[in-house]
Amino acid sequence: MMGQNYFILQANNYREFQIEFGKIQWMYYDMVTDYAGFGHNIDYEHFEYERFLFATTDNELDFYQRQMEIVKQGALVALGCEVVDLLDEARRDSKVYQFITTALSHPTIEKVPFEKEVLLSMKNALEEEIDHAWTVLPNGSILNDKLGEVYQRYVFQYFKNMFEEAKKT
């Protein structure tokens, strides 16, 4: 069953974590330069969002909390990219839908109300009638607004934070 195998950052998979972090930066760069937001065919496929949406760190690697937070945010962004592609192409994918449903029942979902709202809006949009013009449908419109918020909070904010860090030095 998908969704049971969430990544736990440990000393022995730190290198993989670095690589996954890099994939998120690549996806974010693609979003910023091509769309300034979510759009069609963002380069998200190389990042396994299923493993990272609820990823955690081992106690001895606790000082990577900030990076882990970025990776978890990136997982939600990547999932959003896949959902946008499905909706744009008037397609559905039971694997993606099942992952969202499973995520909504994850034990820690109540601790992340914004993520829960986003996942719920994805689920509702995927349950709506199939239409290339999904953004004008009631649930599609809600999802479109939510994804705008995800972009601002996670993608744009990531670069803004990097810029602020760089100014300090």
N, C-alpha and C. Protein backbone atom coordinates (compact mmCIF):
# COMPACT_ATOMS: atom_id res chain seq x y z
N MET A 1 0.85 -1.20 0.00
CA MET A 1 0.00 0.00 0.00
C MET A 1 0.88 1.25 0.00
N MET A 2 0.58 2.16 -0.87
CA MET A 2 1.39 3.36 -0.99
C MET A 2 1.19 4.27 0.21
N GLY A 3 2.21 5.02 0.56
CA GLY A 3 2.06 6.01 1.61
C GLY A 3 2.51 5.53 2.96
N GLN A 4 2.87 4.26 3.07
CA GLN A 4 3.31 3.75 4.37
C GLN A 4 4.81 3.92 4.54
N ASN A 5 5.49 4.16 3.43
CA ASN A 5 6.94 4.13 3.43
C ASN A 5 7.55 5.53 3.43
N TYR A 6 7.30 6.31 4.45
CA TYR A 6 7.81 7.68 4.48
C TYR A 6 9.29 7.71 4.87
N PHE A 7 10.00 8.62 4.26
CA PHE A 7 11.44 8.79 4.45
C PHE A 7 11.75 9.24 5.87
N ILE A 8 12.78 8.64 6.46
CA ILE A 8 13.30 9.09 7.76
C ILE A 8 14.77 9.43 7.54
N LEU A 9 15.12 10.68 7.76
CA LEU A 9 16.51 11.10 7.55
C LEU A 9 17.40 10.50 8.64
N GLN A 10 18.38 9.74 8.19
CA GLN A 10 19.36 9.11 9.08
C GLN A 10 20.73 9.32 8.47
N ALA A 11 21.76 9.05 9.25
CA ALA A 11 23.12 9.25 8.77
C ALA A 11 23.38 8.48 7.47
N ASN A 12 22.79 7.29 7.33
CA ASN A 12 23.08 6.45 6.16
C ASN A 12 22.32 6.86 4.89
N ASN A 13 21.36 7.79 4.99
CA ASN A 13 20.67 8.22 3.76
C ASN A 13 20.75 9.75 3.57
N TYR A 14 21.71 10.34 4.24
CA TYR A 14 21.90 11.80 4.16
C TYR A 14 22.19 12.25 2.73
N ARG A 15 22.99 11.46 1.99
CA ARG A 15 23.34 11.81 0.61
C ARG A 15 22.09 11.83 -0.26
N GLU A 16 21.22 10.86 -0.09
CA GLU A 16 19.97 10.81 -0.83
C GLU A 16 19.12 12.04 -0.52
N PHE A 17 19.10 12.41 0.75
CA PHE A 17 18.36 13.59 1.19
C PHE A 17 18.86 14.85 0.47
N GLN A 18 20.19 14.98 0.36
CA GLN A 18 20.78 16.12 -0.35
C GLN A 18 20.33 16.15 -1.81
N ILE A 19 20.31 14.99 -2.44
CA ILE A 19 19.92 14.89 -3.84
C ILE A 19 18.45 15.28 -4.00
N GLU A 20 17.60 14.80 -3.11
CA GLU A 20 16.18 15.12 -3.17
C GLU A 20 15.96 16.63 -2.95
N PHE A 21 16.72 17.20 -2.05
CA PHE A 21 16.66 18.65 -1.80
C PHE A 21 16.99 19.40 -3.09
N GLY A 22 17.99 18.93 -3.80
CA GLY A 22 18.38 19.54 -5.07
C GLY A 22 17.28 19.46 -6.12
N LYS A 23 16.56 18.35 -6.14
CA LYS A 23 15.46 18.18 -7.09
C LYS A 23 14.36 19.21 -6.83
N ILE A 24 14.15 19.53 -5.57
CA ILE A 24 13.15 20.55 -5.21
C ILE A 24 13.60 21.92 -5.71
N GLN A 25 14.86 22.23 -5.52
CA GLN A 25 15.38 23.51 -6.02
C GLN A 25 15.20 23.61 -7.53
N TRP A 26 15.45 22.51 -8.24
CA TRP A 26 15.28 22.47 -9.70
C TRP A 26 13.81 22.73 -10.06
N MET A 27 12.90 22.05 -9.37
CA MET A 27 11.46 22.22 -9.62
C MET A 27 11.04 23.67 -9.32
N TYR A 28 11.51 24.22 -8.21
CA TYR A 28 11.18 25.60 -7.84
C TYR A 28 11.69 26.58 -8.89
N TYR A 29 12.91 26.35 -9.35
CA TYR A 29 13.50 27.22 -10.38
C TYR A 29 12.63 27.18 -11.63
N ASP A 30 12.19 26.00 -12.02
CA ASP A 30 11.32 25.80 -13.19
C ASP A 30 10.01 26.58 -13.01
N MET A 31 9.44 26.51 -11.83
CA MET A 31 8.17 27.20 -11.56
C MET A 31 8.32 28.72 -11.64
N VAL A 32 9.39 29.21 -11.04
CA VAL A 32 9.62 30.65 -10.99
C VAL A 32 9.89 31.21 -12.38
N THR A 33 10.75 30.53 -13.13
CA THR A 33 11.17 31.07 -14.43
C THR A 33 10.13 30.85 -15.53
N ASP A 34 9.38 29.75 -15.47
CA ASP A 34 8.42 29.46 -16.54
C ASP A 34 7.03 30.05 -16.30
N TYR A 35 6.58 30.08 -15.06
CA TYR A 35 5.18 30.45 -14.80
C TYR A 35 4.98 31.48 -13.70
N ALA A 36 5.98 31.66 -12.85
CA ALA A 36 5.77 32.41 -11.60
C ALA A 36 4.58 31.82 -10.85
N GLY A 37 4.54 30.49 -10.82
CA GLY A 37 3.46 29.77 -10.15
C GLY A 37 3.37 28.35 -10.66
N PHE A 38 2.24 27.72 -10.42
CA PHE A 38 2.00 26.38 -10.94
C PHE A 38 1.65 26.49 -12.41
N GLY A 39 2.04 25.49 -13.18
CA GLY A 39 1.72 25.49 -14.60
C GLY A 39 1.85 24.10 -15.16
N HIS A 40 1.69 23.97 -16.46
CA HIS A 40 1.71 22.65 -17.08
C HIS A 40 3.13 22.14 -17.30
N ASN A 41 3.34 20.88 -17.01
CA ASN A 41 4.62 20.20 -17.24
C ASN A 41 5.80 20.80 -16.49
N ILE A 42 5.57 21.19 -15.24
CA ILE A 42 6.70 21.57 -14.37
C ILE A 42 7.55 20.32 -14.17
N ASP A 43 8.84 20.47 -14.06
CA ASP A 43 9.73 19.33 -13.91
C ASP A 43 9.74 18.83 -12.45
N TYR A 44 8.72 18.06 -12.11
CA TYR A 44 8.59 17.55 -10.74
C TYR A 44 8.80 16.03 -10.66
N GLU A 45 8.75 15.34 -11.79
CA GLU A 45 8.63 13.88 -11.80
C GLU A 45 9.79 13.15 -11.13
N HIS A 46 10.95 13.77 -11.08
CA HIS A 46 12.12 13.07 -10.53
C HIS A 46 12.10 13.04 -9.01
N PHE A 47 11.22 13.83 -8.42
CA PHE A 47 11.15 13.90 -6.96
C PHE A 47 10.00 13.01 -6.48
N GLU A 48 10.29 12.07 -5.58
CA GLU A 48 9.28 11.14 -5.09
C GLU A 48 8.51 11.77 -3.93
N TYR A 49 7.53 12.59 -4.27
CA TYR A 49 6.78 13.28 -3.22
C TYR A 49 6.11 12.32 -2.24
N GLU A 50 5.75 11.11 -2.73
CA GLU A 50 5.05 10.15 -1.87
C GLU A 50 5.88 9.80 -0.64
N ARG A 51 7.18 9.76 -0.80
CA ARG A 51 8.05 9.37 0.32
C ARG A 51 8.36 10.53 1.25
N PHE A 52 8.12 11.75 0.80
CA PHE A 52 8.62 12.89 1.57
C PHE A 52 7.55 13.80 2.19
N LEU A 53 6.29 13.58 1.86
CA LEU A 53 5.24 14.46 2.40
C LEU A 53 5.21 14.42 3.92
N PHE A 54 5.42 13.25 4.49
CA PHE A 54 5.43 13.10 5.95
C PHE A 54 6.78 12.61 6.45
N ALA A 55 7.84 13.03 5.79
CA ALA A 55 9.19 12.61 6.18
C ALA A 55 9.55 13.17 7.55
N THR A 56 10.47 12.50 8.22
CA THR A 56 10.93 12.93 9.55
C THR A 56 12.44 12.79 9.64
N THR A 57 13.02 13.34 10.70
CA THR A 57 14.46 13.20 10.92
C THR A 57 14.70 12.41 12.19
N ASP A 58 15.74 11.61 12.17
CA ASP A 58 16.21 10.92 13.37
C ASP A 58 16.72 11.96 14.36
N ASN A 59 16.67 11.63 15.64
CA ASN A 59 17.10 12.59 16.67
C ASN A 59 18.50 13.14 16.45
N GLU A 60 19.45 12.29 16.05
CA GLU A 60 20.83 12.78 15.91
C GLU A 60 21.01 13.70 14.71
N LEU A 61 20.00 13.76 13.82
CA LEU A 61 20.08 14.67 12.68
C LEU A 61 19.05 15.79 12.79
N ASP A 62 18.67 16.06 14.00
CA ASP A 62 17.63 17.05 14.29
C ASP A 62 17.97 18.45 13.77
N PHE A 63 19.27 18.74 13.64
CA PHE A 63 19.68 20.07 13.17
C PHE A 63 19.38 20.29 11.69
N TYR A 64 18.81 19.27 11.01
CA TYR A 64 18.38 19.44 9.62
C TYR A 64 16.87 19.69 9.51
N GLN A 65 16.25 20.11 10.61
CA GLN A 65 14.81 20.35 10.62
C GLN A 65 14.38 21.34 9.54
N ARG A 66 15.14 22.40 9.39
CA ARG A 66 14.78 23.43 8.41
C ARG A 66 14.80 22.89 6.99
N GLN A 67 15.86 22.12 6.68
CA GLN A 67 15.95 21.50 5.36
C GLN A 67 14.82 20.49 5.16
N MET A 68 14.51 19.75 6.23
CA MET A 68 13.43 18.76 6.15
C MET A 68 12.09 19.44 5.88
N GLU A 69 11.89 20.58 6.51
CA GLU A 69 10.66 21.34 6.30
C GLU A 69 10.52 21.73 4.82
N ILE A 70 11.63 22.17 4.23
CA ILE A 70 11.64 22.55 2.81
C ILE A 70 11.33 21.34 1.92
N VAL A 71 11.88 20.18 2.27
CA VAL A 71 11.63 18.97 1.49
C VAL A 71 10.16 18.55 1.60
N LYS A 72 9.59 18.66 2.80
CA LYS A 72 8.18 18.30 2.97
C LYS A 72 7.27 19.27 2.20
N GLN A 73 7.61 20.54 2.24
CA GLN A 73 6.87 21.53 1.45
C GLN A 73 7.00 21.21 -0.03
N GLY A 74 8.21 20.86 -0.45
CA GLY A 74 8.46 20.50 -1.84
C GLY A 74 7.62 19.32 -2.28
N ALA A 75 7.38 18.39 -1.35
CA ALA A 75 6.54 17.22 -1.66
C ALA A 75 5.12 17.66 -1.98
N LEU A 76 4.60 18.59 -1.21
CA LEU A 76 3.25 19.09 -1.47
C LEU A 76 3.20 19.85 -2.80
N VAL A 77 4.25 20.62 -3.07
CA VAL A 77 4.34 21.36 -4.34
C VAL A 77 4.38 20.37 -5.52
N ALA A 78 5.21 19.34 -5.41
CA ALA A 78 5.34 18.35 -6.49
C ALA A 78 4.00 17.64 -6.73
N LEU A 79 3.33 17.29 -5.66
CA LEU A 79 2.01 16.67 -5.78
C LEU A 79 1.06 17.63 -6.49
N GLY A 80 1.12 18.91 -6.12
CA GLY A 80 0.31 19.93 -6.79
C GLY A 80 0.59 20.00 -8.27
N CYS A 81 1.86 19.87 -8.65
CA CYS A 81 2.24 19.88 -10.07
C CYS A 81 1.63 18.70 -10.80
N GLU A 82 1.65 17.53 -10.16
CA GLU A 82 1.07 16.35 -10.80
C GLU A 82 -0.45 16.50 -10.94
N VAL A 83 -1.09 17.01 -9.91
CA VAL A 83 -2.55 17.21 -9.96
C VAL A 83 -2.91 18.22 -11.06
N VAL A 84 -2.15 19.30 -11.17
CA VAL A 84 -2.39 20.30 -12.23
C VAL A 84 -2.26 19.66 -13.61
N ASP A 85 -1.22 18.84 -13.81
CA ASP A 85 -1.06 18.16 -15.10
C ASP A 85 -2.27 17.27 -15.40
N LEU A 86 -2.73 16.52 -14.41
CA LEU A 86 -3.89 15.64 -14.60
C LEU A 86 -5.12 16.46 -14.99
N LEU A 87 -5.36 17.54 -14.26
CA LEU A 87 -6.54 18.38 -14.52
C LEU A 87 -6.43 19.06 -15.89
N ASP A 88 -5.24 19.59 -16.19
CA ASP A 88 -5.02 20.24 -17.49
C ASP A 88 -5.30 19.30 -18.66
N GLU A 89 -4.89 18.06 -18.48
CA GLU A 89 -5.02 17.07 -19.56
C GLU A 89 -6.34 16.30 -19.48
N ALA A 90 -7.25 16.74 -18.60
CA ALA A 90 -8.54 16.07 -18.40
C ALA A 90 -8.35 14.57 -18.16
N ARG A 91 -7.38 14.27 -17.29
CA ARG A 91 -7.10 12.88 -16.93
C ARG A 91 -7.29 12.70 -15.43
N ARG A 92 -7.42 11.43 -15.02
CA ARG A 92 -7.42 11.08 -13.61
C ARG A 92 -6.47 9.92 -13.41
N ASP A 93 -5.93 9.80 -12.21
CA ASP A 93 -5.00 8.72 -11.89
C ASP A 93 -5.36 8.21 -10.50
N SER A 94 -5.78 6.96 -10.42
CA SER A 94 -6.23 6.40 -9.14
C SER A 94 -5.09 6.37 -8.11
N LYS A 95 -3.85 6.19 -8.58
CA LYS A 95 -2.69 6.15 -7.67
C LYS A 95 -2.53 7.51 -6.96
N VAL A 96 -2.65 8.58 -7.71
CA VAL A 96 -2.52 9.94 -7.15
C VAL A 96 -3.69 10.21 -6.21
N TYR A 97 -4.89 9.88 -6.66
CA TYR A 97 -6.09 10.10 -5.85
C TYR A 97 -5.99 9.31 -4.54
N GLN A 98 -5.55 8.06 -4.63
CA GLN A 98 -5.40 7.20 -3.45
C GLN A 98 -4.36 7.78 -2.50
N PHE A 99 -3.26 8.29 -3.05
CA PHE A 99 -2.22 8.89 -2.21
C PHE A 99 -2.78 10.08 -1.42
N ILE A 100 -3.56 10.92 -2.08
CA ILE A 100 -4.16 12.09 -1.42
C ILE A 100 -5.12 11.65 -0.32
N THR A 101 -5.94 10.67 -0.62
CA THR A 101 -6.90 10.15 0.36
C THR A 101 -6.17 9.58 1.58
N THR A 102 -5.11 8.82 1.32
CA THR A 102 -4.30 8.24 2.40
C THR A 102 -3.65 9.35 3.23
N ALA A 103 -3.12 10.35 2.55
CA ALA A 103 -2.46 11.47 3.24
C ALA A 103 -3.44 12.20 4.16
N LEU A 104 -4.68 12.33 3.71
CA LEU A 104 -5.70 13.02 4.51
C LEU A 104 -6.06 12.28 5.78
N SER A 105 -5.73 11.00 5.84
CA SER A 105 -6.00 10.25 7.07
C SER A 105 -4.73 9.96 7.85
N HIS A 106 -3.62 10.60 7.46
CA HIS A 106 -2.35 10.42 8.18
C HIS A 106 -2.49 10.94 9.61
N PRO A 107 -1.91 10.23 10.59
CA PRO A 107 -2.07 10.64 12.00
C PRO A 107 -1.65 12.09 12.31
N THR A 108 -0.69 12.63 11.56
CA THR A 108 -0.20 13.98 11.89
C THR A 108 -0.87 15.08 11.07
N ILE A 109 -1.85 14.73 10.22
CA ILE A 109 -2.44 15.72 9.32
C ILE A 109 -3.10 16.89 10.06
N GLU A 110 -3.64 16.63 11.24
CA GLU A 110 -4.31 17.69 12.01
C GLU A 110 -3.32 18.76 12.49
N LYS A 111 -2.04 18.39 12.57
CA LYS A 111 -1.00 19.34 13.00
C LYS A 111 -0.62 20.32 11.90
N VAL A 112 -1.05 20.02 10.68
CA VAL A 112 -0.71 20.86 9.52
C VAL A 112 -1.99 21.26 8.78
N PRO A 113 -2.76 22.18 9.37
CA PRO A 113 -4.07 22.52 8.79
C PRO A 113 -4.00 23.08 7.37
N PHE A 114 -2.98 23.85 7.05
CA PHE A 114 -2.87 24.39 5.69
C PHE A 114 -2.69 23.26 4.68
N GLU A 115 -1.77 22.35 4.96
CA GLU A 115 -1.52 21.21 4.08
C GLU A 115 -2.79 20.38 3.91
N LYS A 116 -3.52 20.22 5.01
CA LYS A 116 -4.77 19.45 4.96
C LYS A 116 -5.78 20.13 4.02
N GLU A 117 -5.89 21.44 4.12
CA GLU A 117 -6.79 22.20 3.24
C GLU A 117 -6.40 22.02 1.77
N VAL A 118 -5.10 22.08 1.51
CA VAL A 118 -4.60 21.94 0.14
C VAL A 118 -4.92 20.55 -0.39
N LEU A 119 -4.63 19.52 0.40
CA LEU A 119 -4.91 18.14 -0.01
C LEU A 119 -6.40 17.94 -0.27
N LEU A 120 -7.23 18.51 0.61
CA LEU A 120 -8.67 18.39 0.45
C LEU A 120 -9.14 19.07 -0.83
N SER A 121 -8.57 20.23 -1.12
CA SER A 121 -8.96 20.93 -2.35
C SER A 121 -8.50 20.16 -3.60
N MET A 122 -7.36 19.45 -3.50
CA MET A 122 -6.91 18.59 -4.61
C MET A 122 -7.91 17.45 -4.82
N LYS A 123 -8.28 16.82 -3.73
CA LYS A 123 -9.22 15.68 -3.77
C LYS A 123 -10.55 16.14 -4.39
N ASN A 124 -11.06 17.27 -3.92
CA ASN A 124 -12.35 17.77 -4.43
C ASN A 124 -12.28 18.12 -5.92
N ALA A 125 -11.16 18.71 -6.34
CA ALA A 125 -11.01 19.07 -7.75
C ALA A 125 -10.93 17.81 -8.63
N LEU A 126 -10.26 16.78 -8.11
CA LEU A 126 -10.16 15.53 -8.88
C LEU A 126 -11.49 14.78 -8.95
N GLU A 127 -12.37 15.04 -7.99
CA GLU A 127 -13.69 14.39 -7.98
C GLU A 127 -14.69 15.12 -8.88
N GLU A 128 -14.32 16.32 -9.29
CA GLU A 128 -15.21 17.13 -10.12
C GLU A 128 -15.26 16.56 -11.55
N GLU A 129 -16.24 17.01 -12.33
CA GLU A 129 -16.35 16.56 -13.72
C GLU A 129 -15.03 16.83 -14.45
N ILE A 130 -14.73 16.00 -15.42
CA ILE A 130 -13.48 16.14 -16.18
C ILE A 130 -13.65 17.22 -17.25
N ASP A 131 -12.81 18.23 -17.17
CA ASP A 131 -12.93 19.38 -18.06
C ASP A 131 -11.57 20.07 -18.16
N HIS A 132 -11.11 20.32 -19.41
CA HIS A 132 -9.84 21.03 -19.60
C HIS A 132 -9.86 22.39 -18.91
N ALA A 133 -11.04 23.01 -18.85
CA ALA A 133 -11.19 24.33 -18.22
C ALA A 133 -11.51 24.16 -16.72
N TRP A 134 -10.72 23.32 -16.05
CA TRP A 134 -10.99 22.98 -14.64
C TRP A 134 -10.95 24.16 -13.70
N THR A 135 -10.20 25.21 -14.04
CA THR A 135 -10.05 26.35 -13.12
C THR A 135 -11.33 27.16 -12.98
N VAL A 136 -12.29 26.98 -13.89
CA VAL A 136 -13.56 27.72 -13.77
C VAL A 136 -14.63 26.89 -13.06
N LEU A 137 -14.37 25.61 -12.83
CA LEU A 137 -15.31 24.79 -12.06
C LEU A 137 -15.20 25.16 -10.58
N PRO A 138 -16.27 24.97 -9.81
CA PRO A 138 -16.25 25.40 -8.40
C PRO A 138 -15.05 24.88 -7.59
N ASN A 139 -14.82 23.57 -7.60
CA ASN A 139 -13.71 23.01 -6.82
C ASN A 139 -12.36 23.30 -7.46
N GLY A 140 -12.33 23.32 -8.78
CA GLY A 140 -11.09 23.64 -9.49
C GLY A 140 -10.64 25.06 -9.20
N SER A 141 -11.61 25.95 -9.13
CA SER A 141 -11.31 27.35 -8.82
C SER A 141 -10.72 27.49 -7.41
N ILE A 142 -11.29 26.74 -6.47
CA ILE A 142 -10.78 26.75 -5.08
C ILE A 142 -9.35 26.22 -5.06
N LEU A 143 -9.12 25.10 -5.77
CA LEU A 143 -7.77 24.52 -5.83
C LEU A 143 -6.80 25.51 -6.45
N ASN A 144 -7.20 26.15 -7.53
CA ASN A 144 -6.33 27.11 -8.21
C ASN A 144 -5.88 28.21 -7.25
N ASP A 145 -6.81 28.73 -6.45
CA ASP A 145 -6.48 29.75 -5.45
C ASP A 145 -5.54 29.20 -4.38
N LYS A 146 -5.82 27.98 -3.92
CA LYS A 146 -4.99 27.32 -2.89
C LYS A 146 -3.56 27.14 -3.41
N LEU A 147 -3.44 26.73 -4.67
CA LEU A 147 -2.11 26.51 -5.23
C LEU A 147 -1.35 27.83 -5.35
N GLY A 148 -2.06 28.91 -5.60
CA GLY A 148 -1.43 30.23 -5.59
C GLY A 148 -0.84 30.55 -4.23
N GLU A 149 -1.57 30.14 -3.21
CA GLU A 149 -1.11 30.34 -1.84
C GLU A 149 0.09 29.44 -1.54
N VAL A 150 0.06 28.20 -2.01
CA VAL A 150 1.18 27.26 -1.83
C VAL A 150 2.43 27.86 -2.48
N TYR A 151 2.28 28.37 -3.68
CA TYR A 151 3.41 28.98 -4.39
C TYR A 151 4.01 30.13 -3.57
N GLN A 152 3.16 31.01 -3.07
CA GLN A 152 3.65 32.15 -2.29
C GLN A 152 4.34 31.70 -1.00
N ARG A 153 3.70 30.80 -0.29
CA ARG A 153 4.20 30.35 1.02
C ARG A 153 5.47 29.53 0.93
N TYR A 154 5.58 28.69 -0.10
CA TYR A 154 6.68 27.73 -0.17
C TYR A 154 7.72 28.11 -1.21
N VAL A 155 7.34 28.26 -2.45
CA VAL A 155 8.31 28.49 -3.52
C VAL A 155 8.87 29.91 -3.45
N PHE A 156 8.01 30.90 -3.55
CA PHE A 156 8.45 32.29 -3.50
C PHE A 156 9.17 32.58 -2.19
N GLN A 157 8.60 32.10 -1.10
CA GLN A 157 9.18 32.33 0.23
C GLN A 157 10.57 31.69 0.35
N TYR A 158 10.77 30.55 -0.29
CA TYR A 158 12.07 29.89 -0.25
C TYR A 158 13.15 30.82 -0.81
N PHE A 159 12.88 31.38 -1.98
CA PHE A 159 13.87 32.28 -2.59
C PHE A 159 14.00 33.58 -1.81
N LYS A 160 12.91 34.06 -1.28
CA LYS A 160 12.93 35.28 -0.48
C LYS A 160 13.81 35.07 0.76
N ASN A 161 13.64 33.92 1.42
CA ASN A 161 14.46 33.60 2.59
C ASN A 161 15.93 33.50 2.23
N MET A 162 16.23 32.88 1.08
CA MET A 162 17.61 32.74 0.64
C MET A 162 18.23 34.12 0.40
N PHE A 163 17.44 35.01 -0.20
CA PHE A 163 17.89 36.37 -0.47
C PHE A 163 18.18 37.10 0.84
N GLU A 164 17.27 36.96 1.80
CA GLU A 164 17.47 37.62 3.11
C GLU A 164 18.72 37.08 3.80
N GLU A 165 18.93 35.75 3.72
CA GLU A 165 20.14 35.15 4.30
C GLU A 165 21.39 35.72 3.66
N ALA A 166 21.36 35.83 2.34
CA ALA A 166 22.52 36.30 1.59
C ALA A 166 22.85 37.75 1.92
N LYS A 167 21.81 38.54 2.20
CA LYS A 167 22.03 39.96 2.53
C LYS A 167 22.75 40.12 3.86
N LYS A 168 22.56 39.15 4.77
CA LYS A 168 23.17 39.22 6.11
C LYS A 168 24.68 39.08 6.06
N THR A 169 25.17 38.33 5.08
CA THR A 169 26.60 38.01 5.06
C THR A 169 27.45 39.18 4.59
